[in-house]
Protein backbone atom coordinates (compact mmCIF):
# COMPACT_ATOMS: atom_id res chain seq x y z
CA UNK A 1 -102.77 27.13 -48.77
CA UNK A 2 -100.56 27.87 -45.52
CA UNK A 3 -97.32 26.60 -47.13
CA UNK A 4 -97.23 28.40 -49.88
CA UNK A 5 -98.30 31.39 -47.94
CA UNK A 6 -95.85 30.62 -45.50
CA UNK A 7 -93.04 30.65 -48.91
CA UNK A 8 -94.37 33.61 -50.09
CA UNK A 9 -94.03 35.69 -46.36
CA UNK A 10 -90.28 34.41 -46.63
CA UNK A 11 -89.35 35.49 -50.48
CA UNK A 12 -90.66 38.95 -49.19
CA UNK A 13 -86.85 39.81 -47.63
CA UNK A 14 -83.43 39.64 -48.02
CA UNK A 15 -81.76 36.52 -47.96
CA UNK A 16 -78.85 37.91 -46.47
CA UNK A 17 -78.28 36.99 -42.91
CA UNK A 18 -74.64 38.50 -41.25
CA UNK A 19 -72.38 37.11 -39.30
CA UNK A 20 -73.59 37.50 -35.84
CA UNK A 21 -76.82 35.75 -37.27
CA UNK A 22 -78.95 39.28 -37.73
CA UNK A 23 -81.13 39.11 -40.88
CA UNK A 24 -81.69 42.11 -43.82
CA UNK A 25 -85.35 43.81 -43.32
CA UNK A 26 -85.19 45.16 -46.45
CA UNK A 27 -88.26 44.36 -48.70
CA UNK A 28 -87.37 42.90 -52.08
CA UNK A 29 -90.84 41.89 -53.59
CA UNK A 30 -90.83 44.98 -56.19
CA UNK A 31 -87.07 45.78 -56.83
CA UNK A 32 -84.01 42.75 -55.23
CA UNK A 33 -81.74 40.75 -56.89
CA UNK A 34 -81.69 37.05 -57.76
CA UNK A 35 -78.14 35.68 -57.47
CA UNK A 36 -77.37 33.15 -60.22
CA UNK A 37 -74.78 30.98 -57.78
CA UNK A 38 -77.12 30.65 -54.55
CA UNK A 39 -80.61 31.60 -56.01
CA UNK A 40 -81.40 34.09 -53.02
CA UNK A 41 -82.94 37.11 -53.38
CA UNK A 42 -80.98 40.03 -51.96
CA UNK A 43 -81.52 43.82 -51.52
CA UNK A 44 -79.52 46.39 -54.09
CA UNK A 45 -76.79 46.78 -51.10
CA UNK A 46 -76.05 42.85 -50.81
CA UNK A 47 -76.93 42.15 -54.15
CA UNK A 48 -73.02 41.51 -54.96
CA UNK A 49 -72.00 37.52 -54.43
CA UNK A 50 -69.11 39.29 -52.54
CA UNK A 51 -71.54 40.17 -50.12
CA UNK A 52 -73.76 37.43 -49.32
CA UNK A 53 -70.91 34.90 -49.92
CA UNK A 54 -70.73 33.31 -52.99
CA UNK A 55 -67.69 34.88 -53.75
CA UNK A 56 -66.04 31.79 -54.15
CA UNK A 57 -68.39 30.64 -57.13
CA UNK A 58 -67.93 34.35 -58.59
CA UNK A 59 -64.80 33.82 -59.16
CA UNK A 60 -65.10 30.24 -60.64
CA UNK A 61 -67.49 31.73 -62.86
CA UNK A 62 -65.23 34.44 -64.17
CA UNK A 63 -62.38 32.23 -65.30
CA UNK A 64 -64.45 30.26 -67.05
């Protein structure tokens, strides 16, 4: 049970981490976006693939 509680707690916040190692602290339980490339959950500010590091995967998918 503790393992599941830890996973739930970790998934409450945006997955974005800046180049300096600073994590985004926005709660995404109610409003968030799941990235189809990396399966992370992001806030509305970091939901674009270009914002959180999936730019190459998005470009590849757009070409196909």
